[in-house]
């Protein structure tokens, strides 16, 4: 169950939602069949709530949206990318812990 603070991002609205975001954007590239993606889901929801107003948080289903993951060379999921000013500021692949993600976010704030 996704938090209402986590936005769904698609190839068609990626530029408007992520690249033009006035605050850093944490984007989770995932798929419904991916176990580690499901495991990290609650952490993503918690971060969306904790960083509300400072960071936007979104998810992109790589099965439904092949263009953007291809553009950013996503080969494994979950991959989380932090965009700042429309550019990649940081990136991590795998179901990492909340503290590691918080450290990444705090670096770009």
N, C-alpha and C. Protein backbone atom coordinates (compact mmCIF):
# COMPACT_ATOMS: atom_id res chain seq x y z
N UNK A 1 0.85 -1.19 0.00
CA UNK A 1 0.00 0.00 0.00
C UNK A 1 0.89 1.25 0.00
N UNK A 2 0.86 1.95 -1.10
CA UNK A 2 1.72 3.13 -1.22
C UNK A 2 1.15 4.29 -0.40
N UNK A 3 2.04 5.05 0.16
CA UNK A 3 1.65 6.23 0.92
C UNK A 3 1.09 7.28 -0.04
N UNK A 4 0.20 8.13 0.46
CA UNK A 4 -0.32 9.20 -0.39
C UNK A 4 0.73 10.28 -0.63
N UNK A 5 1.86 10.18 0.05
CA UNK A 5 2.94 11.14 -0.14
C UNK A 5 3.90 10.69 -1.24
N UNK A 6 3.74 9.45 -1.70
CA UNK A 6 4.59 8.91 -2.77
C UNK A 6 3.82 9.02 -4.08
N UNK A 7 4.41 9.70 -5.05
CA UNK A 7 3.74 9.89 -6.34
C UNK A 7 4.17 8.81 -7.33
N UNK A 8 3.24 8.43 -8.20
CA UNK A 8 3.56 7.50 -9.27
C UNK A 8 4.10 8.31 -10.44
N UNK A 9 5.25 7.92 -10.95
CA UNK A 9 5.88 8.64 -12.05
C UNK A 9 5.89 7.74 -13.28
N UNK A 10 5.61 8.33 -14.44
CA UNK A 10 5.63 7.57 -15.70
C UNK A 10 6.62 8.22 -16.66
N UNK A 11 6.92 7.51 -17.75
CA UNK A 11 7.79 8.08 -18.77
C UNK A 11 7.24 9.42 -19.26
N UNK A 12 5.92 9.50 -19.41
CA UNK A 12 5.31 10.70 -20.00
C UNK A 12 5.37 11.92 -19.09
N UNK A 13 5.36 11.69 -17.75
CA UNK A 13 5.39 12.87 -16.87
C UNK A 13 6.69 12.97 -16.06
N UNK A 14 7.70 12.18 -16.44
CA UNK A 14 8.98 12.19 -15.73
C UNK A 14 9.60 13.60 -15.69
N UNK A 15 9.66 14.26 -16.84
CA UNK A 15 10.29 15.59 -16.90
C UNK A 15 9.56 16.57 -16.00
N UNK A 16 8.24 16.59 -16.09
CA UNK A 16 7.46 17.55 -15.30
C UNK A 16 7.55 17.26 -13.81
N UNK A 17 7.48 15.98 -13.43
CA UNK A 17 7.48 15.64 -12.00
C UNK A 17 8.86 15.66 -11.37
N UNK A 18 9.84 15.06 -12.08
CA UNK A 18 11.16 14.85 -11.47
C UNK A 18 12.16 15.92 -11.87
N UNK A 19 12.35 16.11 -13.16
CA UNK A 19 13.40 17.03 -13.62
C UNK A 19 13.07 18.49 -13.29
N UNK A 20 11.79 18.82 -13.21
CA UNK A 20 11.41 20.21 -12.92
C UNK A 20 11.01 20.41 -11.47
N UNK A 21 11.25 19.40 -10.63
CA UNK A 21 10.90 19.52 -9.22
C UNK A 21 11.76 20.60 -8.55
N UNK A 22 11.13 21.49 -7.77
CA UNK A 22 11.89 22.54 -7.08
C UNK A 22 12.71 22.02 -5.90
N UNK A 23 12.42 20.79 -5.46
CA UNK A 23 13.17 20.17 -4.36
C UNK A 23 13.76 18.86 -4.86
N UNK A 24 14.77 18.32 -4.15
CA UNK A 24 15.32 17.02 -4.57
C UNK A 24 14.22 15.97 -4.69
N UNK A 25 14.39 15.02 -5.60
CA UNK A 25 13.38 14.00 -5.88
C UNK A 25 14.02 12.63 -5.76
N UNK A 26 13.50 11.80 -4.85
CA UNK A 26 13.95 10.42 -4.70
C UNK A 26 13.03 9.54 -5.52
N UNK A 27 13.57 8.91 -6.56
CA UNK A 27 12.76 8.07 -7.43
C UNK A 27 13.16 6.61 -7.27
N UNK A 28 12.17 5.78 -6.96
CA UNK A 28 12.34 4.35 -6.76
C UNK A 28 11.91 3.63 -8.04
N UNK A 29 12.88 3.01 -8.73
CA UNK A 29 12.57 2.20 -9.90
C UNK A 29 12.29 0.78 -9.41
N UNK A 30 11.09 0.26 -9.69
CA UNK A 30 10.64 -1.01 -9.10
C UNK A 30 9.76 -1.75 -10.09
N UNK A 31 9.36 -2.97 -9.70
CA UNK A 31 8.38 -3.76 -10.45
C UNK A 31 7.58 -4.60 -9.45
N UNK A 32 6.32 -4.90 -9.78
CA UNK A 32 5.46 -5.65 -8.84
C UNK A 32 5.99 -7.05 -8.51
N UNK A 33 6.75 -7.66 -9.43
CA UNK A 33 7.25 -9.03 -9.21
C UNK A 33 8.56 -9.07 -8.43
N UNK A 34 9.09 -7.91 -8.08
CA UNK A 34 10.42 -7.83 -7.45
C UNK A 34 10.31 -7.88 -5.93
N UNK A 35 10.81 -8.97 -5.33
CA UNK A 35 10.75 -9.14 -3.88
C UNK A 35 11.43 -8.03 -3.09
N UNK A 36 12.71 -7.73 -3.41
CA UNK A 36 13.40 -6.65 -2.68
C UNK A 36 12.70 -5.29 -2.83
N UNK A 37 12.03 -5.09 -3.99
CA UNK A 37 11.29 -3.84 -4.19
C UNK A 37 10.15 -3.73 -3.18
N UNK A 38 9.46 -4.86 -2.98
CA UNK A 38 8.36 -4.88 -2.01
C UNK A 38 8.90 -4.67 -0.60
N UNK A 39 10.06 -5.24 -0.32
CA UNK A 39 10.65 -5.13 1.01
C UNK A 39 11.02 -3.68 1.34
N UNK A 40 11.48 -2.95 0.35
CA UNK A 40 11.94 -1.58 0.59
C UNK A 40 10.77 -0.58 0.55
N UNK A 41 9.61 -1.03 0.04
CA UNK A 41 8.45 -0.15 -0.09
C UNK A 41 8.07 0.62 1.16
N UNK A 42 7.94 -0.06 2.32
CA UNK A 42 7.57 0.67 3.55
C UNK A 42 8.61 1.72 3.95
N UNK A 43 9.88 1.47 3.66
CA UNK A 43 10.94 2.44 3.97
C UNK A 43 10.76 3.69 3.11
N UNK A 44 10.42 3.48 1.84
CA UNK A 44 10.18 4.59 0.92
C UNK A 44 9.02 5.45 1.44
N UNK A 45 7.96 4.78 1.89
CA UNK A 45 6.80 5.50 2.43
C UNK A 45 7.17 6.32 3.67
N UNK A 46 7.99 5.73 4.55
CA UNK A 46 8.41 6.43 5.77
C UNK A 46 9.24 7.66 5.41
N UNK A 47 10.16 7.50 4.45
CA UNK A 47 11.00 8.63 4.05
C UNK A 47 10.15 9.75 3.44
N UNK A 48 9.13 9.38 2.66
CA UNK A 48 8.25 10.37 2.04
C UNK A 48 7.58 11.22 3.12
N UNK A 49 7.17 10.56 4.22
CA UNK A 49 6.53 11.28 5.32
C UNK A 49 7.54 12.13 6.08
N UNK A 50 8.71 11.57 6.37
CA UNK A 50 9.71 12.27 7.17
C UNK A 50 10.30 13.48 6.45
N UNK A 51 10.43 13.39 5.12
CA UNK A 51 11.06 14.46 4.35
C UNK A 51 10.04 15.32 3.61
N UNK A 52 8.76 15.20 3.99
CA UNK A 52 7.71 15.96 3.32
C UNK A 52 8.03 17.45 3.32
N UNK A 53 7.91 18.07 2.15
CA UNK A 53 8.21 19.50 2.03
C UNK A 53 9.66 19.77 1.68
N UNK A 54 10.56 18.79 1.95
CA UNK A 54 11.98 18.97 1.66
C UNK A 54 12.42 18.14 0.46
N UNK A 55 11.80 16.96 0.31
CA UNK A 55 12.13 16.03 -0.76
C UNK A 55 10.83 15.45 -1.30
N UNK A 56 10.73 15.35 -2.63
CA UNK A 56 9.60 14.63 -3.21
C UNK A 56 10.02 13.19 -3.41
N UNK A 57 9.08 12.27 -3.24
CA UNK A 57 9.37 10.85 -3.36
C UNK A 57 8.40 10.24 -4.37
N UNK A 58 8.95 9.45 -5.29
CA UNK A 58 8.10 8.81 -6.28
C UNK A 58 8.58 7.42 -6.61
N UNK A 59 7.70 6.68 -7.31
CA UNK A 59 8.00 5.32 -7.76
C UNK A 59 7.73 5.24 -9.25
N UNK A 60 8.57 4.48 -9.95
CA UNK A 60 8.34 4.22 -11.36
C UNK A 60 8.38 2.73 -11.61
N UNK A 61 7.28 2.20 -12.14
CA UNK A 61 7.20 0.78 -12.50
C UNK A 61 7.97 0.58 -13.80
N UNK A 62 9.08 -0.16 -13.74
CA UNK A 62 9.95 -0.31 -14.91
C UNK A 62 9.30 -1.15 -16.01
N UNK A 63 8.33 -2.00 -15.65
CA UNK A 63 7.63 -2.79 -16.67
C UNK A 63 6.72 -1.91 -17.52
N UNK A 64 6.09 -0.93 -16.89
CA UNK A 64 5.15 -0.06 -17.59
C UNK A 64 5.84 1.13 -18.26
N UNK A 65 7.04 1.44 -17.81
CA UNK A 65 7.75 2.64 -18.29
C UNK A 65 9.19 2.29 -18.64
N UNK A 66 9.43 1.78 -19.87
CA UNK A 66 10.78 1.33 -20.23
C UNK A 66 11.75 2.44 -20.63
N UNK A 67 11.25 3.61 -21.01
CA UNK A 67 12.11 4.64 -21.58
C UNK A 67 13.06 5.24 -20.54
N UNK A 68 12.49 5.72 -19.43
CA UNK A 68 13.30 6.39 -18.41
C UNK A 68 14.35 5.47 -17.79
N UNK A 69 13.98 4.24 -17.37
CA UNK A 69 15.03 3.34 -16.83
C UNK A 69 16.13 3.08 -17.84
N UNK A 70 15.77 2.98 -19.13
CA UNK A 70 16.78 2.78 -20.17
C UNK A 70 17.71 3.97 -20.27
N UNK A 71 17.14 5.15 -20.18
CA UNK A 71 17.93 6.39 -20.28
C UNK A 71 18.96 6.48 -19.15
N UNK A 72 18.57 6.00 -17.96
CA UNK A 72 19.47 6.09 -16.80
C UNK A 72 20.23 4.80 -16.54
N UNK A 73 20.17 3.87 -17.48
CA UNK A 73 20.97 2.64 -17.37
C UNK A 73 20.58 1.74 -16.22
N UNK A 74 19.28 1.70 -15.89
CA UNK A 74 18.82 0.85 -14.79
C UNK A 74 18.89 -0.61 -15.25
N UNK A 75 19.74 -1.41 -14.61
CA UNK A 75 19.90 -2.81 -14.98
C UNK A 75 19.35 -3.75 -13.90
N UNK A 76 19.23 -3.24 -12.70
CA UNK A 76 18.75 -4.06 -11.58
C UNK A 76 17.79 -3.21 -10.75
N UNK A 77 16.82 -3.87 -10.15
CA UNK A 77 15.89 -3.15 -9.29
C UNK A 77 15.83 -3.85 -7.93
N UNK A 78 15.50 -3.14 -6.87
CA UNK A 78 15.21 -1.70 -6.90
C UNK A 78 16.48 -0.86 -7.08
N UNK A 79 16.34 0.19 -7.87
CA UNK A 79 17.37 1.23 -7.96
C UNK A 79 16.71 2.52 -7.53
N UNK A 80 17.37 3.24 -6.64
CA UNK A 80 16.85 4.52 -6.18
C UNK A 80 17.81 5.61 -6.63
N UNK A 81 17.25 6.62 -7.28
CA UNK A 81 18.07 7.74 -7.75
C UNK A 81 17.53 9.01 -7.12
N UNK A 82 18.46 9.83 -6.62
CA UNK A 82 18.09 11.15 -6.12
C UNK A 82 18.45 12.16 -7.19
N UNK A 83 17.43 12.88 -7.64
CA UNK A 83 17.63 13.94 -8.62
C UNK A 83 17.60 15.27 -7.90
N UNK A 84 18.52 16.16 -8.28
CA UNK A 84 18.52 17.53 -7.73
C UNK A 84 18.73 18.47 -8.90
N UNK A 85 17.82 19.39 -9.08
CA UNK A 85 17.91 20.30 -10.22
C UNK A 85 17.83 19.56 -11.54
N UNK A 86 17.12 18.43 -11.54
CA UNK A 86 16.95 17.66 -12.77
C UNK A 86 18.09 16.72 -13.09
N UNK A 87 19.17 16.77 -12.31
CA UNK A 87 20.33 15.92 -12.56
C UNK A 87 20.45 14.84 -11.48
N UNK A 88 21.13 13.74 -11.82
CA UNK A 88 21.36 12.68 -10.84
C UNK A 88 22.36 13.16 -9.79
N UNK A 89 21.93 13.17 -8.54
CA UNK A 89 22.80 13.60 -7.44
C UNK A 89 23.40 12.40 -6.72
N UNK A 90 22.64 11.30 -6.68
CA UNK A 90 23.12 10.09 -6.01
C UNK A 90 22.26 8.93 -6.47
N UNK A 91 22.80 7.73 -6.29
CA UNK A 91 22.09 6.55 -6.78
C UNK A 91 22.55 5.33 -6.00
N UNK A 92 21.61 4.40 -5.77
CA UNK A 92 21.96 3.16 -5.09
C UNK A 92 21.06 2.05 -5.64
N UNK A 93 21.62 0.85 -5.73
CA UNK A 93 20.85 -0.30 -6.22
C UNK A 93 20.76 -1.34 -5.11
N UNK A 94 19.58 -1.93 -4.99
CA UNK A 94 19.36 -2.96 -3.98
C UNK A 94 18.52 -2.45 -2.83
N UNK A 95 18.05 -3.39 -2.03
CA UNK A 95 17.20 -3.03 -0.88
C UNK A 95 18.09 -2.57 0.26
N UNK A 96 18.47 -1.30 0.22
CA UNK A 96 19.36 -0.75 1.25
C UNK A 96 18.54 -0.30 2.45
N UNK A 97 19.22 -0.07 3.54
CA UNK A 97 18.55 0.31 4.78
C UNK A 97 18.13 1.77 4.79
N UNK A 98 17.21 2.05 5.69
CA UNK A 98 16.68 3.41 5.82
C UNK A 98 17.78 4.42 6.17
N UNK A 99 18.70 4.03 7.03
CA UNK A 99 19.75 4.97 7.44
C UNK A 99 20.63 5.37 6.27
N UNK A 100 20.93 4.41 5.38
CA UNK A 100 21.75 4.72 4.21
C UNK A 100 21.01 5.70 3.29
N UNK A 101 19.72 5.48 3.12
CA UNK A 101 18.93 6.38 2.27
C UNK A 101 18.82 7.77 2.90
N UNK A 102 18.65 7.82 4.22
CA UNK A 102 18.58 9.12 4.90
C UNK A 102 19.91 9.87 4.74
N UNK A 103 21.02 9.16 4.83
CA UNK A 103 22.33 9.80 4.67
C UNK A 103 22.47 10.38 3.26
N UNK A 104 21.98 9.62 2.26
CA UNK A 104 22.03 10.10 0.88
C UNK A 104 21.17 11.36 0.72
N UNK A 105 19.98 11.33 1.29
CA UNK A 105 19.08 12.49 1.18
C UNK A 105 19.65 13.70 1.90
N UNK A 106 20.20 13.48 3.09
CA UNK A 106 20.74 14.59 3.86
C UNK A 106 21.91 15.27 3.14
N UNK A 107 22.65 14.50 2.32
CA UNK A 107 23.77 15.06 1.58
C UNK A 107 23.31 16.07 0.52
N UNK A 108 22.13 15.84 -0.06
CA UNK A 108 21.68 16.73 -1.14
C UNK A 108 20.82 17.90 -0.64
N UNK A 109 20.49 17.88 0.64
CA UNK A 109 19.64 18.96 1.18
C UNK A 109 20.47 20.16 1.61
